[in-house]
Amino acid sequence: MLEITVDFETASATDLKKSGSWAYAECPTTEVLCLAYSINDAEPLIWYPGLPMPEIFGRDDTLLIAHGISFEKAIWRKIMVPQFSWPNVPNSRWHCTMAVCAQKALPMGLDRAALALRLSYQKDTVGSKLTIGLSKPKKDGSYDRTSGTLATVYEYCRQDVRTEIELNRRIGNLQQGE
């Protein structure tokens, strides 16, 4: 089975922390900025709206890995499937590194888990602030979607995937029965 580590970057008028993943994904203002993905731990690639769906996501022999799959599954099912005609991925083909962190009493945030385990890849805090800021309109009501800003977001998303790959290698899977 091919393993694909995935991470979405999105923007919305809805507050993710207050609403939760599914309500956030269902909000009409929520938009996908990009998806970083890595096939079998290779250097992450970027997909963004306007590009065709990568063929790999149409295969049935893939396992999608994410840190906090509730968010990725919500975005996948509520945006990618209906808006971009991507195939639904059954629950059996998702693996959550956050769940493994919880089981092993590690910090559950990607940034804190990477720090605690002294991973060589760490979360990009500057990119995180920039990406969060993209959900807030400028004074004139518009949103910053300049090519330079989006390039920074894409690299931030790639860095998250690199960190998730290293974390997954280090912590492994859930124990049998979990």
N, C-alpha and C. Protein backbone atom coordinates (compact mmCIF):
# COMPACT_ATOMS: atom_id res chain seq x y z
N MET A 1 0.84 -1.18 0.00
CA MET A 1 0.00 0.00 0.00
C MET A 1 0.89 1.25 0.00
N LEU A 2 0.56 2.20 -0.84
CA LEU A 2 1.29 3.46 -0.89
C LEU A 2 0.86 4.33 0.28
N GLU A 3 1.81 5.01 0.89
CA GLU A 3 1.51 5.93 1.98
C GLU A 3 1.66 7.36 1.45
N ILE A 4 0.63 8.15 1.67
CA ILE A 4 0.64 9.54 1.23
C ILE A 4 0.39 10.42 2.45
N THR A 5 1.38 11.19 2.83
CA THR A 5 1.23 12.13 3.93
C THR A 5 0.64 13.41 3.35
N VAL A 6 -0.44 13.90 3.98
CA VAL A 6 -1.17 15.04 3.44
C VAL A 6 -1.34 16.14 4.48
N ASP A 7 -1.42 17.38 3.99
CA ASP A 7 -1.69 18.52 4.86
C ASP A 7 -2.34 19.62 4.03
N PHE A 8 -3.53 20.05 4.45
CA PHE A 8 -4.23 21.15 3.79
C PHE A 8 -3.91 22.47 4.47
N GLU A 9 -3.87 23.53 3.69
CA GLU A 9 -3.90 24.89 4.21
C GLU A 9 -5.16 25.51 3.64
N THR A 10 -5.91 26.14 4.52
CA THR A 10 -7.21 26.69 4.16
C THR A 10 -7.35 28.09 4.72
N ALA A 11 -8.41 28.76 4.33
CA ALA A 11 -8.78 30.05 4.89
C ALA A 11 -10.30 30.09 5.01
N SER A 12 -10.78 30.82 6.00
CA SER A 12 -12.22 30.89 6.23
C SER A 12 -12.54 32.05 7.15
N ALA A 13 -13.75 32.56 7.05
CA ALA A 13 -14.23 33.55 8.01
C ALA A 13 -14.59 32.88 9.33
N THR A 14 -14.74 31.57 9.32
CA THR A 14 -15.08 30.79 10.51
C THR A 14 -13.82 30.50 11.32
N ASP A 15 -13.93 30.62 12.62
CA ASP A 15 -12.82 30.32 13.53
C ASP A 15 -12.77 28.80 13.75
N LEU A 16 -11.73 28.17 13.28
CA LEU A 16 -11.58 26.72 13.38
C LEU A 16 -11.61 26.24 14.82
N LYS A 17 -10.92 26.94 15.70
CA LYS A 17 -10.85 26.50 17.10
C LYS A 17 -12.21 26.59 17.79
N LYS A 18 -13.02 27.55 17.41
CA LYS A 18 -14.35 27.70 18.03
C LYS A 18 -15.39 26.77 17.40
N SER A 19 -15.27 26.53 16.09
CA SER A 19 -16.30 25.79 15.39
C SER A 19 -16.06 24.29 15.31
N GLY A 20 -14.79 23.88 15.29
CA GLY A 20 -14.46 22.48 15.05
C GLY A 20 -14.29 22.21 13.56
N SER A 21 -13.64 21.11 13.24
CA SER A 21 -13.27 20.78 11.86
C SER A 21 -14.44 20.70 10.90
N TRP A 22 -15.49 19.99 11.30
CA TRP A 22 -16.58 19.74 10.36
C TRP A 22 -17.39 21.00 10.08
N ALA A 23 -17.73 21.78 11.10
CA ALA A 23 -18.47 23.04 10.87
C ALA A 23 -17.61 24.00 10.06
N TYR A 24 -16.32 24.02 10.33
CA TYR A 24 -15.38 24.86 9.58
C TYR A 24 -15.40 24.47 8.10
N ALA A 25 -15.31 23.17 7.82
CA ALA A 25 -15.28 22.69 6.44
C ALA A 25 -16.60 22.94 5.73
N GLU A 26 -17.70 22.96 6.47
CA GLU A 26 -19.02 23.19 5.87
C GLU A 26 -19.32 24.67 5.63
N CYS A 27 -18.55 25.57 6.22
CA CYS A 27 -18.79 27.01 6.06
C CYS A 27 -18.56 27.41 4.61
N PRO A 28 -19.49 28.14 4.00
CA PRO A 28 -19.33 28.54 2.60
C PRO A 28 -18.12 29.44 2.34
N THR A 29 -17.58 30.08 3.39
CA THR A 29 -16.41 30.94 3.19
C THR A 29 -15.10 30.17 3.23
N THR A 30 -15.13 28.91 3.63
CA THR A 30 -13.90 28.13 3.73
C THR A 30 -13.39 27.78 2.34
N GLU A 31 -12.12 28.05 2.12
CA GLU A 31 -11.49 27.75 0.84
C GLU A 31 -10.18 27.00 1.06
N VAL A 32 -9.86 26.14 0.15
CA VAL A 32 -8.58 25.43 0.18
C VAL A 32 -7.55 26.29 -0.53
N LEU A 33 -6.47 26.58 0.18
CA LEU A 33 -5.36 27.30 -0.43
C LEU A 33 -4.42 26.34 -1.14
N CYS A 34 -4.15 25.20 -0.47
CA CYS A 34 -3.28 24.21 -1.08
C CYS A 34 -3.33 22.91 -0.29
N LEU A 35 -2.79 21.89 -0.90
CA LEU A 35 -2.58 20.60 -0.27
C LEU A 35 -1.14 20.21 -0.57
N ALA A 36 -0.37 19.98 0.48
CA ALA A 36 0.96 19.40 0.31
C ALA A 36 0.82 17.90 0.52
N TYR A 37 1.51 17.12 -0.29
CA TYR A 37 1.42 15.67 -0.16
C TYR A 37 2.75 15.04 -0.54
N SER A 38 3.03 13.94 0.15
CA SER A 38 4.27 13.21 -0.10
C SER A 38 3.93 11.74 -0.30
N ILE A 39 4.41 11.17 -1.37
CA ILE A 39 4.18 9.77 -1.67
C ILE A 39 5.36 8.96 -1.17
N ASN A 40 5.08 8.06 -0.23
CA ASN A 40 6.12 7.21 0.36
C ASN A 40 7.33 8.01 0.83
N ASP A 41 7.08 9.10 1.52
CA ASP A 41 8.09 9.92 2.18
C ASP A 41 9.01 10.69 1.23
N ALA A 42 8.61 10.84 -0.02
CA ALA A 42 9.39 11.65 -0.97
C ALA A 42 9.20 13.13 -0.65
N GLU A 43 9.97 13.98 -1.28
CA GLU A 43 9.84 15.43 -1.10
C GLU A 43 8.40 15.83 -1.41
N PRO A 44 7.78 16.63 -0.55
CA PRO A 44 6.38 17.00 -0.75
C PRO A 44 6.12 17.80 -2.02
N LEU A 45 4.98 17.48 -2.62
CA LEU A 45 4.48 18.18 -3.80
C LEU A 45 3.33 19.08 -3.36
N ILE A 46 2.95 20.02 -4.21
CA ILE A 46 1.85 20.94 -3.90
C ILE A 46 0.76 20.83 -4.97
N TRP A 47 -0.47 20.75 -4.47
CA TRP A 47 -1.65 20.90 -5.32
C TRP A 47 -2.37 22.16 -4.84
N TYR A 48 -2.95 22.91 -5.77
CA TYR A 48 -3.78 24.05 -5.39
C TYR A 48 -4.93 24.15 -6.39
N PRO A 49 -6.03 24.82 -6.01
CA PRO A 49 -7.17 24.94 -6.91
C PRO A 49 -6.75 25.48 -8.27
N GLY A 50 -7.28 24.85 -9.30
CA GLY A 50 -6.92 25.19 -10.67
C GLY A 50 -6.08 24.09 -11.31
N LEU A 51 -5.42 23.29 -10.49
CA LEU A 51 -4.65 22.16 -11.00
C LEU A 51 -5.54 20.92 -11.03
N PRO A 52 -5.27 19.97 -11.94
CA PRO A 52 -6.03 18.71 -11.91
C PRO A 52 -5.67 17.89 -10.67
N MET A 53 -6.58 17.01 -10.28
CA MET A 53 -6.32 16.13 -9.15
C MET A 53 -5.13 15.22 -9.49
N PRO A 54 -4.15 15.11 -8.60
CA PRO A 54 -3.07 14.16 -8.83
C PRO A 54 -3.63 12.74 -8.95
N GLU A 55 -3.20 12.01 -9.96
CA GLU A 55 -3.73 10.67 -10.23
C GLU A 55 -3.63 9.74 -9.02
N ILE A 56 -2.63 9.93 -8.20
CA ILE A 56 -2.40 9.05 -7.06
C ILE A 56 -3.62 9.00 -6.13
N PHE A 57 -4.38 10.10 -6.06
CA PHE A 57 -5.53 10.14 -5.17
C PHE A 57 -6.72 9.36 -5.70
N GLY A 58 -6.67 8.93 -6.94
CA GLY A 58 -7.73 8.10 -7.51
C GLY A 58 -7.51 6.61 -7.29
N ARG A 59 -6.40 6.24 -6.70
CA ARG A 59 -6.08 4.83 -6.49
C ARG A 59 -6.68 4.31 -5.19
N ASP A 60 -6.96 3.02 -5.16
CA ASP A 60 -7.53 2.38 -3.97
C ASP A 60 -6.48 1.76 -3.06
N ASP A 61 -5.22 1.81 -3.46
CA ASP A 61 -4.16 1.17 -2.67
C ASP A 61 -3.32 2.20 -1.93
N THR A 62 -3.99 3.23 -1.40
CA THR A 62 -3.27 4.30 -0.70
C THR A 62 -3.75 4.42 0.74
N LEU A 63 -2.85 4.80 1.61
CA LEU A 63 -3.15 5.13 2.99
C LEU A 63 -2.80 6.60 3.15
N LEU A 64 -3.76 7.42 3.58
CA LEU A 64 -3.50 8.83 3.80
C LEU A 64 -3.12 9.05 5.25
N ILE A 65 -2.01 9.73 5.45
CA ILE A 65 -1.47 9.99 6.79
C ILE A 65 -1.52 11.48 7.04
N ALA A 66 -2.03 11.86 8.21
CA ALA A 66 -2.09 13.27 8.57
C ALA A 66 -1.99 13.40 10.07
N HIS A 67 -1.64 14.59 10.50
CA HIS A 67 -1.58 14.87 11.94
C HIS A 67 -2.88 15.58 12.31
N GLY A 68 -3.78 14.83 12.92
CA GLY A 68 -5.12 15.35 13.23
C GLY A 68 -6.03 15.12 12.04
N ILE A 69 -6.32 13.86 11.72
CA ILE A 69 -7.06 13.55 10.49
C ILE A 69 -8.49 14.07 10.49
N SER A 70 -9.02 14.45 11.63
CA SER A 70 -10.37 15.00 11.62
C SER A 70 -10.44 16.20 10.69
N PHE A 71 -9.45 17.07 10.75
CA PHE A 71 -9.44 18.25 9.89
C PHE A 71 -9.29 17.85 8.43
N GLU A 72 -8.29 17.02 8.12
CA GLU A 72 -8.06 16.64 6.73
C GLU A 72 -9.26 15.88 6.16
N LYS A 73 -9.85 14.99 6.94
CA LYS A 73 -11.03 14.27 6.46
C LYS A 73 -12.20 15.21 6.22
N ALA A 74 -12.40 16.18 7.10
CA ALA A 74 -13.49 17.13 6.92
C ALA A 74 -13.30 17.95 5.65
N ILE A 75 -12.10 18.47 5.43
CA ILE A 75 -11.82 19.24 4.22
C ILE A 75 -11.97 18.35 3.00
N TRP A 76 -11.45 17.14 3.07
CA TRP A 76 -11.53 16.21 1.95
C TRP A 76 -12.99 15.95 1.58
N ARG A 77 -13.80 15.59 2.60
CA ARG A 77 -15.17 15.16 2.33
C ARG A 77 -16.13 16.32 2.06
N LYS A 78 -15.91 17.46 2.68
CA LYS A 78 -16.85 18.58 2.54
C LYS A 78 -16.47 19.57 1.45
N ILE A 79 -15.20 19.55 1.02
CA ILE A 79 -14.76 20.48 -0.03
C ILE A 79 -14.21 19.73 -1.24
N MET A 80 -13.23 18.86 -1.02
CA MET A 80 -12.55 18.23 -2.16
C MET A 80 -13.49 17.32 -2.96
N VAL A 81 -14.33 16.55 -2.26
CA VAL A 81 -15.25 15.65 -2.97
C VAL A 81 -16.32 16.44 -3.74
N PRO A 82 -17.09 17.32 -3.08
CA PRO A 82 -18.15 17.99 -3.83
C PRO A 82 -17.67 19.10 -4.78
N GLN A 83 -16.65 19.85 -4.41
CA GLN A 83 -16.24 20.98 -5.24
C GLN A 83 -15.25 20.61 -6.34
N PHE A 84 -14.38 19.63 -6.06
CA PHE A 84 -13.32 19.29 -7.01
C PHE A 84 -13.46 17.88 -7.58
N SER A 85 -14.53 17.18 -7.19
CA SER A 85 -14.83 15.82 -7.68
C SER A 85 -13.74 14.80 -7.37
N TRP A 86 -13.10 14.96 -6.21
CA TRP A 86 -12.12 13.96 -5.79
C TRP A 86 -12.88 12.78 -5.19
N PRO A 87 -12.31 11.59 -5.23
CA PRO A 87 -13.00 10.43 -4.66
C PRO A 87 -13.00 10.48 -3.13
N ASN A 88 -14.06 9.92 -2.56
CA ASN A 88 -14.11 9.80 -1.10
C ASN A 88 -13.10 8.74 -0.67
N VAL A 89 -12.49 8.93 0.47
CA VAL A 89 -11.53 7.96 1.01
C VAL A 89 -12.15 7.38 2.28
N PRO A 90 -12.32 6.06 2.33
CA PRO A 90 -12.94 5.47 3.52
C PRO A 90 -12.06 5.61 4.76
N ASN A 91 -12.70 5.57 5.92
CA ASN A 91 -11.98 5.72 7.19
C ASN A 91 -10.84 4.73 7.34
N SER A 92 -10.99 3.54 6.78
CA SER A 92 -9.97 2.49 6.92
C SER A 92 -8.66 2.86 6.23
N ARG A 93 -8.67 3.88 5.38
CA ARG A 93 -7.47 4.27 4.65
C ARG A 93 -6.91 5.60 5.14
N TRP A 94 -7.16 5.93 6.42
CA TRP A 94 -6.59 7.12 7.05
C TRP A 94 -5.79 6.69 8.27
N HIS A 95 -4.66 7.35 8.50
CA HIS A 95 -3.84 7.10 9.69
C HIS A 95 -3.54 8.45 10.33
N CYS A 96 -3.73 8.53 11.65
CA CYS A 96 -3.57 9.79 12.36
C CYS A 96 -2.37 9.74 13.30
N THR A 97 -1.36 10.56 13.02
CA THR A 97 -0.19 10.63 13.90
C THR A 97 -0.52 11.29 15.23
N MET A 98 -1.54 12.16 15.24
CA MET A 98 -1.94 12.78 16.50
C MET A 98 -2.50 11.72 17.46
N ALA A 99 -3.24 10.76 16.93
CA ALA A 99 -3.78 9.68 17.77
C ALA A 99 -2.64 8.85 18.35
N VAL A 100 -1.62 8.60 17.57
CA VAL A 100 -0.47 7.84 18.07
C VAL A 100 0.24 8.65 19.16
N CYS A 101 0.38 9.95 18.95
CA CYS A 101 0.99 10.80 19.99
C CYS A 101 0.18 10.71 21.29
N ALA A 102 -1.14 10.75 21.18
CA ALA A 102 -1.99 10.66 22.38
C ALA A 102 -1.80 9.32 23.08
N GLN A 103 -1.76 8.25 22.30
CA GLN A 103 -1.58 6.92 22.88
C GLN A 103 -0.24 6.78 23.59
N LYS A 104 0.78 7.45 23.06
CA LYS A 104 2.12 7.32 23.62
C LYS A 104 2.47 8.45 24.59
N ALA A 105 1.45 9.22 25.02
CA ALA A 105 1.62 10.32 25.98
C ALA A 105 2.63 11.35 25.51
N LEU A 106 2.61 11.61 24.20
CA LEU A 106 3.43 12.68 23.62
C LEU A 106 2.55 13.90 23.43
N PRO A 107 3.14 15.08 23.35
CA PRO A 107 2.32 16.26 23.04
C PRO A 107 1.56 16.03 21.74
N MET A 108 0.32 16.48 21.70
CA MET A 108 -0.50 16.21 20.51
C MET A 108 -0.37 17.26 19.42
N GLY A 109 0.06 18.45 19.73
CA GLY A 109 0.30 19.45 18.69
C GLY A 109 1.53 19.08 17.89
N LEU A 110 1.48 19.27 16.58
CA LEU A 110 2.62 18.92 15.74
C LEU A 110 3.87 19.67 16.17
N ASP A 111 3.72 20.95 16.48
CA ASP A 111 4.88 21.75 16.88
C ASP A 111 5.50 21.22 18.16
N ARG A 112 4.67 20.91 19.14
CA ARG A 112 5.18 20.45 20.43
C ARG A 112 5.71 19.02 20.36
N ALA A 113 5.08 18.16 19.56
CA ALA A 113 5.57 16.79 19.40
C ALA A 113 6.94 16.80 18.72
N ALA A 114 7.08 17.60 17.68
CA ALA A 114 8.36 17.70 16.97
C ALA A 114 9.46 18.22 17.89
N LEU A 115 9.11 19.18 18.71
CA LEU A 115 10.08 19.74 19.65
C LEU A 115 10.46 18.70 20.72
N ALA A 116 9.47 18.03 21.28
CA ALA A 116 9.73 17.04 22.33
C ALA A 116 10.59 15.89 21.84
N LEU A 117 10.38 15.50 20.58
CA LEU A 117 11.14 14.39 20.02
C LEU A 117 12.44 14.85 19.35
N ARG A 118 12.68 16.16 19.38
CA ARG A 118 13.87 16.75 18.75
C ARG A 118 14.03 16.31 17.30
N LEU A 119 12.93 16.40 16.56
CA LEU A 119 12.97 16.03 15.15
C LEU A 119 13.82 17.04 14.38
N SER A 120 14.41 16.59 13.30
CA SER A 120 15.22 17.50 12.49
C SER A 120 14.35 18.52 11.77
N TYR A 121 13.09 18.15 11.47
CA TYR A 121 12.13 19.09 10.88
C TYR A 121 11.21 19.59 11.98
N GLN A 122 11.04 20.89 12.05
CA GLN A 122 10.18 21.52 13.04
C GLN A 122 9.11 22.33 12.31
N LYS A 123 8.06 22.66 13.02
CA LYS A 123 6.98 23.47 12.46
C LYS A 123 7.48 24.90 12.25
N ASP A 124 7.09 25.49 11.16
CA ASP A 124 7.47 26.86 10.80
C ASP A 124 6.50 27.84 11.46
N THR A 125 6.91 28.47 12.55
CA THR A 125 6.00 29.36 13.29
C THR A 125 5.71 30.65 12.53
N VAL A 126 6.66 31.14 11.76
CA VAL A 126 6.42 32.35 10.96
C VAL A 126 5.40 32.05 9.86
N GLY A 127 5.57 30.94 9.18
CA GLY A 127 4.61 30.54 8.14
C GLY A 127 3.23 30.28 8.72
N SER A 128 3.19 29.75 9.93
CA SER A 128 1.91 29.50 10.59
C SER A 128 1.15 30.79 10.82
N LYS A 129 1.83 31.81 11.32
CA LYS A 129 1.19 33.11 11.57
C LYS A 129 0.69 33.73 10.26
N LEU A 130 1.50 33.63 9.21
CA LEU A 130 1.11 34.17 7.92
C LEU A 130 -0.14 33.46 7.40
N THR A 131 -0.16 32.14 7.47
CA THR A 131 -1.28 31.37 6.97
C THR A 131 -2.56 31.69 7.74
N ILE A 132 -2.46 31.79 9.05
CA ILE A 132 -3.62 32.16 9.87
C ILE A 132 -4.12 33.55 9.47
N GLY A 133 -3.19 34.45 9.20
CA GLY A 133 -3.54 35.81 8.81
C GLY A 133 -4.27 35.90 7.47
N LEU A 134 -4.12 34.90 6.61
CA LEU A 134 -4.79 34.92 5.31
C LEU A 134 -6.31 34.79 5.43
N SER A 135 -6.80 34.37 6.58
CA SER A 135 -8.25 34.25 6.77
C SER A 135 -8.88 35.58 7.14
N LYS A 136 -8.06 36.54 7.46
CA LYS A 136 -8.58 37.84 7.88
C LYS A 136 -8.49 38.82 6.71
N PRO A 137 -9.60 39.51 6.41
CA PRO A 137 -9.54 40.46 5.29
C PRO A 137 -8.69 41.69 5.63
N LYS A 138 -8.13 42.28 4.57
CA LYS A 138 -7.41 43.54 4.74
C LYS A 138 -8.43 44.64 5.01
N LYS A 139 -7.97 45.84 5.29
CA LYS A 139 -8.87 46.95 5.62
C LYS A 139 -9.89 47.23 4.52
N ASP A 140 -9.51 46.96 3.27
CA ASP A 140 -10.44 47.21 2.16
C ASP A 140 -11.40 46.05 1.92
N GLY A 141 -11.31 45.00 2.76
CA GLY A 141 -12.20 43.84 2.63
C GLY A 141 -11.67 42.74 1.74
N SER A 142 -10.54 42.96 1.08
CA SER A 142 -9.97 41.93 0.21
C SER A 142 -9.05 41.01 1.02
N TYR A 143 -8.68 39.92 0.39
CA TYR A 143 -7.79 38.95 1.02
C TYR A 143 -6.46 38.92 0.27
N ASP A 144 -5.39 38.69 0.98
CA ASP A 144 -4.06 38.64 0.37
C ASP A 144 -3.86 37.27 -0.28
N ARG A 145 -3.89 37.26 -1.59
CA ARG A 145 -3.63 36.03 -2.34
C ARG A 145 -2.58 36.30 -3.41
N THR A 146 -1.61 37.17 -3.09
CA THR A 146 -0.55 37.47 -4.04
C THR A 146 0.32 36.22 -4.23
N SER A 147 0.99 36.16 -5.35
CA SER A 147 1.80 34.98 -5.65
C SER A 147 2.91 34.80 -4.61
N GLY A 148 3.50 35.89 -4.13
CA GLY A 148 4.55 35.79 -3.11
C GLY A 148 4.03 35.23 -1.81
N THR A 149 2.86 35.69 -1.39
CA THR A 149 2.26 35.19 -0.15
C THR A 149 1.90 33.72 -0.30
N LEU A 150 1.28 33.36 -1.42
CA LEU A 150 0.92 31.96 -1.62
C LEU A 150 2.15 31.06 -1.71
N ALA A 151 3.24 31.53 -2.30
CA ALA A 151 4.47 30.74 -2.35
C ALA A 151 4.98 30.45 -0.94
N THR A 152 4.87 31.43 -0.05
CA THR A 152 5.27 31.22 1.35
C THR A 152 4.37 30.19 2.02
N VAL A 153 3.07 30.27 1.75
CA VAL A 153 2.12 29.30 2.31
C VAL A 153 2.43 27.90 1.79
N TYR A 154 2.73 27.78 0.51
CA TYR A 154 3.04 26.46 -0.06
C TYR A 154 4.27 25.85 0.62
N GLU A 155 5.29 26.67 0.84
CA GLU A 155 6.49 26.15 1.49
C GLU A 155 6.21 25.80 2.94
N TYR A 156 5.40 26.59 3.62
CA TYR A 156 4.99 26.28 4.99
C TYR A 156 4.27 24.93 5.03
N CYS A 157 3.39 24.70 4.09
CA CYS A 157 2.64 23.45 4.03
C CYS A 157 3.57 22.27 3.75
N ARG A 158 4.53 22.45 2.85
CA ARG A 158 5.53 21.40 2.59
C ARG A 158 6.32 21.07 3.86
N GLN A 159 6.68 22.12 4.61
CA GLN A 159 7.43 21.91 5.85
C GLN A 159 6.61 21.10 6.86
N ASP A 160 5.32 21.39 6.96
CA ASP A 160 4.46 20.59 7.84
C ASP A 160 4.49 19.12 7.43
N VAL A 161 4.42 18.85 6.13
CA VAL A 161 4.44 17.46 5.67
C VAL A 161 5.79 16.81 5.99
N ARG A 162 6.87 17.54 5.79
CA ARG A 162 8.19 16.98 6.16
C ARG A 162 8.23 16.62 7.64
N THR A 163 7.68 17.49 8.47
CA THR A 163 7.65 17.24 9.92
C THR A 163 6.76 16.04 10.22
N GLU A 164 5.60 15.96 9.58
CA GLU A 164 4.69 14.83 9.79
C GLU A 164 5.32 13.51 9.36
N ILE A 165 6.06 13.51 8.27
CA ILE A 165 6.74 12.30 7.80
C ILE A 165 7.74 11.82 8.87
N GLU A 166 8.57 12.74 9.34
CA GLU A 166 9.57 12.36 10.33
C GLU A 166 8.90 11.90 11.63
N LEU A 167 7.85 12.59 12.03
CA LEU A 167 7.11 12.19 13.23
C LEU A 167 6.55 10.78 13.06
N ASN A 168 5.93 10.51 11.93
CA ASN A 168 5.34 9.19 11.68
C ASN A 168 6.40 8.10 11.71
N ARG A 169 7.55 8.37 11.11
CA ARG A 169 8.65 7.38 11.14
C ARG A 169 9.07 7.09 12.58
N ARG A 170 9.12 8.13 13.39
CA ARG A 170 9.60 7.99 14.76
C ARG A 170 8.60 7.25 15.66
N ILE A 171 7.31 7.59 15.55
CA ILE A 171 6.34 7.06 16.51
C ILE A 171 5.60 5.81 16.03
N GLY A 172 5.56 5.57 14.74
CA GLY A 172 4.92 4.37 14.22
C GLY A 172 3.40 4.43 14.28
N ASN A 173 2.79 3.24 14.29
CA ASN A 173 1.34 3.12 14.22
C ASN A 173 0.74 2.89 15.60
N LEU A 174 -0.57 2.95 15.63
CA LEU A 174 -1.29 2.59 16.86
C LEU A 174 -1.07 1.11 17.15
N GLN A 175 -1.11 0.76 18.41
CA GLN A 175 -1.01 -0.65 18.77
C GLN A 175 -2.26 -1.40 18.31
N GLN A 176 -2.12 -2.69 18.12
CA GLN A 176 -3.26 -3.51 17.72
C GLN A 176 -4.42 -3.30 18.68
N GLY A 177 -5.62 -3.22 18.13
CA GLY A 177 -6.81 -3.07 18.95
C GLY A 177 -7.19 -1.63 19.23
N GLU A 178 -6.34 -0.70 18.85
CA GLU A 178 -6.66 0.73 19.09
C GLU A 178 -7.34 1.30 17.87
